[in-house]
């Protein structure tokens, strides 16, 4: 069995559901809670995994927390001058 994500136009949903009902022995529908909360959940998940991989492989460097806030403080000081 294969799992697919399917997007159905609003005006076609009744026809789609009729098709699914007529072929229910071959099709199982299941709501994905992740997609209910965030339509781009899996795209964001893949992006975060890629960022983590890039950090682990030294392709990108994370800034230390103290360095980040020091940079922010310096930037704010330049704005106030």
PDB file of N, CA and C in Angstrom:
ATOM      1  N   UNK A   1       0.845  -1.169   0.000  1.00  0.00           N
ATOM      2  CA  UNK A   1       0.000   0.000   0.000  1.00  0.00           C
ATOM      3  C   UNK A   1       0.890   1.231   0.000  1.00  0.00           C
ATOM      4  N   UNK A   2       0.456   2.287  -0.673  1.00  0.00           N
ATOM      5  CA  UNK A   2       1.178   3.549  -0.727  1.00  0.00           C
ATOM      6  C   UNK A   2       0.337   4.641  -0.082  1.00  0.00           C
ATOM      7  N   UNK A   3       1.007   5.613   0.500  1.00  0.00           N
ATOM      8  CA  UNK A   3       0.342   6.754   1.104  1.00  0.00           C
ATOM      9  C   UNK A   3       0.609   7.974   0.248  1.00  0.00           C
ATOM     10  N   UNK A   4      -0.458   8.700  -0.069  1.00  0.00           N
ATOM     11  CA  UNK A   4      -0.344   9.908  -0.882  1.00  0.00           C
ATOM     12  C   UNK A   4      -1.084  11.048  -0.206  1.00  0.00           C
ATOM     13  N   UNK A   5      -0.623  12.255  -0.431  1.00  0.00           N
ATOM     14  CA  UNK A   5      -1.382  13.444  -0.028  1.00  0.00           C
ATOM     15  C   UNK A   5      -2.133  13.911  -1.260  1.00  0.00           C
ATOM     16  N   UNK A   6      -3.409  14.156  -1.108  1.00  0.00           N
ATOM     17  CA  UNK A   6      -4.244  14.550  -2.240  1.00  0.00           C
ATOM     18  C   UNK A   6      -4.911  15.880  -1.922  1.00  0.00           C
ATOM     19  N   UNK A   7      -4.816  16.817  -2.845  1.00  0.00           N
ATOM     20  CA  UNK A   7      -5.543  18.071  -2.714  1.00  0.00           C
ATOM     21  C   UNK A   7      -6.708  18.022  -3.683  1.00  0.00           C
ATOM     22  N   UNK A   8      -7.891  18.349  -3.179  1.00  0.00           N
ATOM     23  CA  UNK A   8      -9.106  18.282  -3.994  1.00  0.00           C
ATOM     24  C   UNK A   8      -9.755  19.661  -4.007  1.00  0.00           C
ATOM     25  N   UNK A   9     -10.090  20.126  -5.190  1.00  0.00           N
ATOM     26  CA  UNK A   9     -10.792  21.410  -5.307  1.00  0.00           C
ATOM     27  C   UNK A   9     -12.108  21.347  -4.545  1.00  0.00           C
ATOM     28  N   UNK A  10     -12.470  22.444  -3.910  1.00  0.00           N
ATOM     29  CA  UNK A  10     -13.703  22.481  -3.105  1.00  0.00           C
ATOM     30  C   UNK A  10     -14.927  22.056  -3.913  1.00  0.00           C
ATOM     31  N   UNK A  11     -14.998  22.501  -5.150  1.00  0.00           N
ATOM     32  CA  UNK A  11     -16.185  22.196  -5.962  1.00  0.00           C
ATOM     33  C   UNK A  11     -16.190  20.760  -6.490  1.00  0.00           C
ATOM     34  N   UNK A  12     -15.117  20.002  -6.255  1.00  0.00           N
ATOM     35  CA  UNK A  12     -15.030  18.613  -6.735  1.00  0.00           C
ATOM     36  C   UNK A  12     -15.092  17.604  -5.588  1.00  0.00           C
ATOM     37  N   UNK A  13     -15.138  18.090  -4.360  1.00  0.00           N
ATOM     38  CA  UNK A  13     -15.039  17.191  -3.208  1.00  0.00           C
ATOM     39  C   UNK A  13     -16.140  16.141  -3.181  1.00  0.00           C
ATOM     40  N   UNK A  14     -17.361  16.499  -3.537  1.00  0.00           N
ATOM     41  CA  UNK A  14     -18.460  15.523  -3.527  1.00  0.00           C
ATOM     42  C   UNK A  14     -18.209  14.408  -4.539  1.00  0.00           C
ATOM     43  N   UNK A  15     -17.763  14.773  -5.736  1.00  0.00           N
ATOM     44  CA  UNK A  15     -17.451  13.761  -6.752  1.00  0.00           C
ATOM     45  C   UNK A  15     -16.285  12.871  -6.287  1.00  0.00           C
ATOM     46  N   UNK A  16     -15.291  13.497  -5.687  1.00  0.00           N
ATOM     47  CA  UNK A  16     -14.150  12.746  -5.190  1.00  0.00           C
ATOM     48  C   UNK A  16     -14.578  11.764  -4.108  1.00  0.00           C
ATOM     49  N   UNK A  17     -15.381  12.227  -3.165  1.00  0.00           N
ATOM     50  CA  UNK A  17     -15.841  11.358  -2.086  1.00  0.00           C
ATOM     51  C   UNK A  17     -16.712  10.221  -2.626  1.00  0.00           C
ATOM     52  N   UNK A  18     -17.504  10.507  -3.650  1.00  0.00           N
ATOM     53  CA  UNK A  18     -18.295   9.439  -4.287  1.00  0.00           C
ATOM     54  C   UNK A  18     -17.377   8.384  -4.880  1.00  0.00           C
ATOM     55  N   UNK A  19     -16.323   8.833  -5.555  1.00  0.00           N
ATOM     56  CA  UNK A  19     -15.352   7.895  -6.126  1.00  0.00           C
ATOM     57  C   UNK A  19     -14.716   7.051  -5.024  1.00  0.00           C
ATOM     58  N   UNK A  20     -14.323   7.700  -3.940  1.00  0.00           N
ATOM     59  CA  UNK A  20     -13.682   6.985  -2.828  1.00  0.00           C
ATOM     60  C   UNK A  20     -14.659   5.973  -2.248  1.00  0.00           C
ATOM     61  N   UNK A  21     -15.883   6.385  -2.028  1.00  0.00           N
ATOM     62  CA  UNK A  21     -16.889   5.469  -1.470  1.00  0.00           C
ATOM     63  C   UNK A  21     -17.141   4.279  -2.390  1.00  0.00           C
ATOM     64  N   UNK A  22     -17.157   4.514  -3.690  1.00  0.00           N
ATOM     65  CA  UNK A  22     -17.384   3.427  -4.655  1.00  0.00           C
ATOM     66  C   UNK A  22     -16.191   2.483  -4.756  1.00  0.00           C
ATOM     67  N   UNK A  23     -15.027   2.936  -4.310  1.00  0.00           N
ATOM     68  CA  UNK A  23     -13.810   2.123  -4.374  1.00  0.00           C
ATOM     69  C   UNK A  23     -13.216   1.913  -2.994  1.00  0.00           C
ATOM     70  N   UNK A  24     -14.057   1.900  -1.980  1.00  0.00           N
ATOM     71  CA  UNK A  24     -13.570   1.884  -0.599  1.00  0.00           C
ATOM     72  C   UNK A  24     -12.769   0.636  -0.239  1.00  0.00           C
ATOM     73  N   UNK A  25     -12.919  -0.446  -0.990  1.00  0.00           N
ATOM     74  CA  UNK A  25     -12.124  -1.637  -0.676  1.00  0.00           C
ATOM     75  C   UNK A  25     -10.650  -1.434  -1.031  1.00  0.00           C
ATOM     76  N   UNK A  26     -10.362  -0.417  -1.861  1.00  0.00           N
ATOM     77  CA  UNK A  26      -8.985  -0.150  -2.292  1.00  0.00           C
ATOM     78  C   UNK A  26      -8.415   1.143  -1.720  1.00  0.00           C
ATOM     79  N   UNK A  27      -9.258   1.937  -1.059  1.00  0.00           N
ATOM     80  CA  UNK A  27      -8.826   3.264  -0.601  1.00  0.00           C
ATOM     81  C   UNK A  27      -9.178   3.430   0.872  1.00  0.00           C
ATOM     82  N   UNK A  28      -8.223   3.944   1.634  1.00  0.00           N
ATOM     83  CA  UNK A  28      -8.458   4.281   3.036  1.00  0.00           C
ATOM     84  C   UNK A  28      -8.148   5.755   3.225  1.00  0.00           C
ATOM     85  N   UNK A  29      -9.074   6.490   3.786  1.00  0.00           N
ATOM     86  CA  UNK A  29      -8.849   7.904   4.065  1.00  0.00           C
ATOM     87  C   UNK A  29      -8.529   8.081   5.544  1.00  0.00           C
ATOM     88  N   UNK A  30      -7.558   8.947   5.806  1.00  0.00           N
ATOM     89  CA  UNK A  30      -7.185   9.241   7.179  1.00  0.00           C
ATOM     90  C   UNK A  30      -6.755  10.698   7.235  1.00  0.00           C
ATOM     91  N   UNK A  31      -7.297  11.433   8.196  1.00  0.00           N
ATOM     92  CA  UNK A  31      -6.891  12.825   8.357  1.00  0.00           C
ATOM     93  C   UNK A  31      -5.530  12.870   9.016  1.00  0.00           C
ATOM     94  N   UNK A  32      -4.707  13.773   8.540  1.00  0.00           N
ATOM     95  CA  UNK A  32      -3.371  13.968   9.088  1.00  0.00           C
ATOM     96  C   UNK A  32      -3.432  15.166  10.031  1.00  0.00           C
ATOM     97  N   UNK A  33      -3.306  14.905  11.337  1.00  0.00           N
ATOM     98  CA  UNK A  33      -3.394  15.974  12.339  1.00  0.00           C
ATOM     99  C   UNK A  33      -2.366  17.070  12.078  1.00  0.00           C
ATOM    100  N   UNK A  34      -1.167  16.688  11.629  1.00  0.00           N
ATOM    101  CA  UNK A  34      -0.135  17.685  11.358  1.00  0.00           C
ATOM    102  C   UNK A  34      -0.600  18.693  10.320  1.00  0.00           C
ATOM    103  N   UNK A  35      -1.277  18.203   9.272  1.00  0.00           N
ATOM    104  CA  UNK A  35      -1.732  19.089   8.211  1.00  0.00           C
ATOM    105  C   UNK A  35      -2.953  19.898   8.623  1.00  0.00           C
ATOM    106  N   UNK A  36      -3.709  19.419   9.595  1.00  0.00           N
ATOM    107  CA  UNK A  36      -4.836  20.199  10.097  1.00  0.00           C
ATOM    108  C   UNK A  36      -4.331  21.460  10.792  1.00  0.00           C
ATOM    109  N   UNK A  37      -3.228  21.352  11.511  1.00  0.00           N
ATOM    110  CA  UNK A  37      -2.672  22.489  12.227  1.00  0.00           C
ATOM    111  C   UNK A  37      -1.830  23.387  11.330  1.00  0.00           C
ATOM    112  N   UNK A  38      -1.160  22.800  10.360  1.00  0.00           N
ATOM    113  CA  UNK A  38      -0.224  23.545   9.511  1.00  0.00           C
ATOM    114  C   UNK A  38      -0.186  22.889   8.140  1.00  0.00           C
ATOM    115  N   UNK A  39      -0.740  23.561   7.158  1.00  0.00           N
ATOM    116  CA  UNK A  39      -0.809  22.991   5.806  1.00  0.00           C
ATOM    117  C   UNK A  39       0.573  22.738   5.205  1.00  0.00           C
ATOM    118  N   UNK A  40       1.601  23.389   5.734  1.00  0.00           N
ATOM    119  CA  UNK A  40       2.957  23.246   5.212  1.00  0.00           C
ATOM    120  C   UNK A  40       3.858  22.492   6.191  1.00  0.00           C
ATOM    121  N   UNK A  41       3.256  21.690   7.069  1.00  0.00           N
ATOM    122  CA  UNK A  41       4.008  20.983   8.111  1.00  0.00           C
ATOM    123  C   UNK A  41       5.194  20.207   7.550  1.00  0.00           C
ATOM    124  N   UNK A  42       4.962  19.394   6.540  1.00  0.00           N
ATOM    125  CA  UNK A  42       6.027  18.519   6.045  1.00  0.00           C
ATOM    126  C   UNK A  42       7.110  19.302   5.303  1.00  0.00           C
ATOM    127  N   UNK A  43       6.746  20.378   4.618  1.00  0.00           N
ATOM    128  CA  UNK A  43       7.748  21.217   3.979  1.00  0.00           C
ATOM    129  C   UNK A  43       8.628  21.871   5.043  1.00  0.00           C
ATOM    130  N   UNK A  44       7.997  22.370   6.116  1.00  0.00           N
ATOM    131  CA  UNK A  44       8.766  22.994   7.197  1.00  0.00           C
ATOM    132  C   UNK A  44       9.643  21.957   7.901  1.00  0.00           C
ATOM    133  N   UNK A  45       9.109  20.771   8.096  1.00  0.00           N
ATOM    134  CA  UNK A  45       9.868  19.707   8.748  1.00  0.00           C
ATOM    135  C   UNK A  45      11.117  19.370   7.926  1.00  0.00           C
ATOM    136  N   UNK A  46      10.959  19.226   6.617  1.00  0.00           N
ATOM    137  CA  UNK A  46      12.109  18.927   5.753  1.00  0.00           C
ATOM    138  C   UNK A  46      13.134  20.051   5.802  1.00  0.00           C
ATOM    139  N   UNK A  47      12.658  21.293   5.812  1.00  0.00           N
ATOM    140  CA  UNK A  47      13.569  22.429   5.865  1.00  0.00           C
ATOM    141  C   UNK A  47      14.358  22.431   7.177  1.00  0.00           C
ATOM    142  N   UNK A  48      13.689  22.161   8.289  1.00  0.00           N
ATOM    143  CA  UNK A  48      14.389  22.117   9.574  1.00  0.00           C
ATOM    144  C   UNK A  48      15.403  20.975   9.628  1.00  0.00           C
ATOM    145  N   UNK A  49      15.056  19.827   9.061  1.00  0.00           N
ATOM    146  CA  UNK A  49      16.009  18.714   9.007  1.00  0.00           C
ATOM    147  C   UNK A  49      17.230  19.091   8.166  1.00  0.00           C
ATOM    148  N   UNK A  50      16.994  19.813   7.073  1.00  0.00           N
ATOM    149  CA  UNK A  50      18.113  20.245   6.226  1.00  0.00           C
ATOM    150  C   UNK A  50      18.999  21.237   6.972  1.00  0.00           C
ATOM    151  N   UNK A  51      18.392  22.174   7.692  1.00  0.00           N
ATOM    152  CA  UNK A  51      19.170  23.141   8.468  1.00  0.00           C
ATOM    153  C   UNK A  51      20.008  22.415   9.516  1.00  0.00           C
ATOM    154  N   UNK A  52      19.401  21.473  10.220  1.00  0.00           N
ATOM    155  CA  UNK A  52      20.138  20.707  11.235  1.00  0.00           C
ATOM    156  C   UNK A  52      21.306  19.941  10.597  1.00  0.00           C
ATOM    157  N   UNK A  53      21.046  19.340   9.462  1.00  0.00           N
ATOM    158  CA  UNK A  53      22.101  18.615   8.762  1.00  0.00           C
ATOM    159  C   UNK A  53      23.229  19.559   8.349  1.00  0.00           C
ATOM    160  N   UNK A  54      22.881  20.749   7.857  1.00  0.00           N
ATOM    161  CA  UNK A  54      23.893  21.736   7.464  1.00  0.00           C
ATOM    162  C   UNK A  54      24.727  22.176   8.656  1.00  0.00           C
ATOM    163  N   UNK A  55      24.084  22.328   9.811  1.00  0.00           N
ATOM    164  CA  UNK A  55      24.817  22.699  11.024  1.00  0.00           C
ATOM    165  C   UNK A  55      25.747  21.563  11.441  1.00  0.00           C
ATOM    166  N   UNK A  56      25.219  20.338  11.445  1.00  0.00           N
ATOM    167  CA  UNK A  56      26.024  19.179  11.839  1.00  0.00           C
ATOM    168  C   UNK A  56      27.222  18.978  10.917  1.00  0.00           C
ATOM    169  N   UNK A  57      27.071  19.326   9.642  1.00  0.00           N
ATOM    170  CA  UNK A  57      28.147  19.131   8.661  1.00  0.00           C
ATOM    171  C   UNK A  57      28.982  20.391   8.437  1.00  0.00           C
ATOM    172  N   UNK A  58      28.798  21.400   9.311  1.00  0.00           N
ATOM    173  CA  UNK A  58      29.568  22.653   9.258  1.00  0.00           C
ATOM    174  C   UNK A  58      29.381  23.432   7.957  1.00  0.00           C
ATOM    175  N   UNK A  59      28.265  23.244   7.285  1.00  0.00           N
ATOM    176  CA  UNK A  59      27.979  24.061   6.103  1.00  0.00           C
ATOM    177  C   UNK A  59      27.459  25.435   6.502  1.00  0.00           C
ATOM    178  N   UNK A  60      26.794  25.497   7.655  1.00  0.00           N
ATOM    179  CA  UNK A  60      26.391  26.774   8.223  1.00  0.00           C
ATOM    180  C   UNK A  60      26.767  26.758   9.697  1.00  0.00           C
ATOM    181  N   UNK A  61      26.944  27.946  10.253  1.00  0.00           N
ATOM    182  CA  UNK A  61      27.388  28.041  11.639  1.00  0.00           C
ATOM    183  C   UNK A  61      26.307  28.722  12.464  1.00  0.00           C
ATOM    184  N   UNK A  62      26.046  28.170  13.619  1.00  0.00           N
ATOM    185  CA  UNK A  62      25.125  28.798  14.544  1.00  0.00           C
ATOM    186  C   UNK A  62      25.873  29.858  15.341  1.00  0.00           C
ATOM    187  N   UNK A  63      25.173  30.922  15.669  1.00  0.00           N
ATOM    188  CA  UNK A  63      25.736  31.975  16.493  1.00  0.00           C
ATOM    189  C   UNK A  63      25.418  31.650  17.946  1.00  0.00           C
ATOM    190  N   UNK A  64      26.405  31.798  18.805  1.00  0.00           N
ATOM    191  CA  UNK A  64      26.169  31.588  20.226  1.00  0.00           C
ATOM    192  C   UNK A  64      25.164  32.603  20.738  1.00  0.00           C
ATOM    193  N   UNK A  65      24.392  32.227  21.728  1.00  0.00           N
ATOM    194  CA  UNK A  65      23.347  33.091  22.262  1.00  0.00           C
ATOM    195  C   UNK A  65      23.898  34.444  22.724  1.00  0.00           C
ATOM    196  N   UNK A  66      24.993  34.431  23.472  1.00  0.00           N
ATOM    197  CA  UNK A  66      25.586  35.685  23.960  1.00  0.00           C
ATOM    198  C   UNK A  66      26.054  36.564  22.802  1.00  0.00           C
ATOM    199  N   UNK A  67      26.662  35.943  21.792  1.00  0.00           N
ATOM    200  CA  UNK A  67      27.109  36.705  20.625  1.00  0.00           C
ATOM    201  C   UNK A  67      25.931  37.336  19.896  1.00  0.00           C
ATOM    202  N   UNK A  68      24.866  36.593  19.788  1.00  0.00           N
ATOM    203  CA  UNK A  68      23.661  37.107  19.120  1.00  0.00           C
ATOM    204  C   UNK A  68      23.151  38.350  19.841  1.00  0.00           C
ATOM    205  N   UNK A  69      22.997  38.263  21.158  1.00  0.00           N
ATOM    206  CA  UNK A  69      22.453  39.394  21.909  1.00  0.00           C
ATOM    207  C   UNK A  69      23.432  40.561  21.945  1.00  0.00           C
ATOM    208  N   UNK A  70      24.706  40.294  21.957  1.00  0.00           N
ATOM    209  CA  UNK A  70      25.693  41.382  21.870  1.00  0.00           C
ATOM    210  C   UNK A  70      25.569  42.103  20.533  1.00  0.00           C
ATOM    211  N   UNK A  71      25.391  41.339  19.460  1.00  0.00           N
ATOM    212  CA  UNK A  71      25.209  41.950  18.138  1.00  0.00           C
ATOM    213  C   UNK A  71      23.928  42.781  18.097  1.00  0.00           C
ATOM    214  N   UNK A  72      22.863  42.277  18.686  1.00  0.00           N
ATOM    215  CA  UNK A  72      21.602  43.019  18.725  1.00  0.00           C
ATOM    216  C   UNK A  72      21.781  44.308  19.521  1.00  0.00           C
ATOM    217  N   UNK A  73      22.411  44.203  20.678  1.00  0.00           N
ATOM    218  CA  UNK A  73      22.643  45.385  21.511  1.00  0.00           C
ATOM    219  C   UNK A  73      23.461  46.425  20.757  1.00  0.00           C
ATOM    220  N   UNK A  74      24.501  45.996  20.064  1.00  0.00           N
ATOM    221  CA  UNK A  74      25.331  46.915  19.289  1.00  0.00           C
ATOM    222  C   UNK A  74      24.520  47.567  18.175  1.00  0.00           C
ATOM    223  N   UNK A  75      23.688  46.793  17.528  1.00  0.00           N
ATOM    224  CA  UNK A  75      22.860  47.325  16.453  1.00  0.00           C
ATOM    225  C   UNK A  75      21.882  48.368  16.986  1.00  0.00           C
ATOM    226  N   UNK A  76      21.244  48.075  18.104  1.00  0.00           N
ATOM    227  CA  UNK A  76      20.296  49.016  18.700  1.00  0.00           C
ATOM    228  C   UNK A  76      21.008  50.298  19.102  1.00  0.00           C
ATOM    229  N   UNK A  77      22.219  50.192  19.633  1.00  0.00           N
ATOM    230  CA  UNK A  77      22.986  51.381  19.992  1.00  0.00           C
ATOM    231  C   UNK A  77      23.261  52.257  18.776  1.00  0.00           C
ATOM    232  N   UNK A  78      23.572  51.635  17.652  1.00  0.00           N
ATOM    233  CA  UNK A  78      23.828  52.440  16.441  1.00  0.00           C
ATOM    234  C   UNK A  78      22.563  53.127  15.954  1.00  0.00           C
ATOM    235  N   UNK A  79      21.408  52.525  16.179  1.00  0.00           N
ATOM    236  CA  UNK A  79      20.147  53.146  15.780  1.00  0.00           C
ATOM    237  C   UNK A  79      19.800  54.341  16.661  1.00  0.00           C
ATOM    238  N   UNK A  80      20.224  54.285  17.903  1.00  0.00           N
ATOM    239  CA  UNK A  80      19.893  55.344  18.848  1.00  0.00           C
ATOM    240  C   UNK A  80      20.801  56.569  18.727  1.00  0.00           C
ATOM    241  N   UNK A  81      21.871  56.448  17.985  1.00  0.00           N
ATOM    242  CA  UNK A  81      22.810  57.573  17.821  1.00  0.00           C
ATOM    243  C   UNK A  81      22.322  58.559  16.815  1.00  0.00           C
TER     244      UNK A  81
END
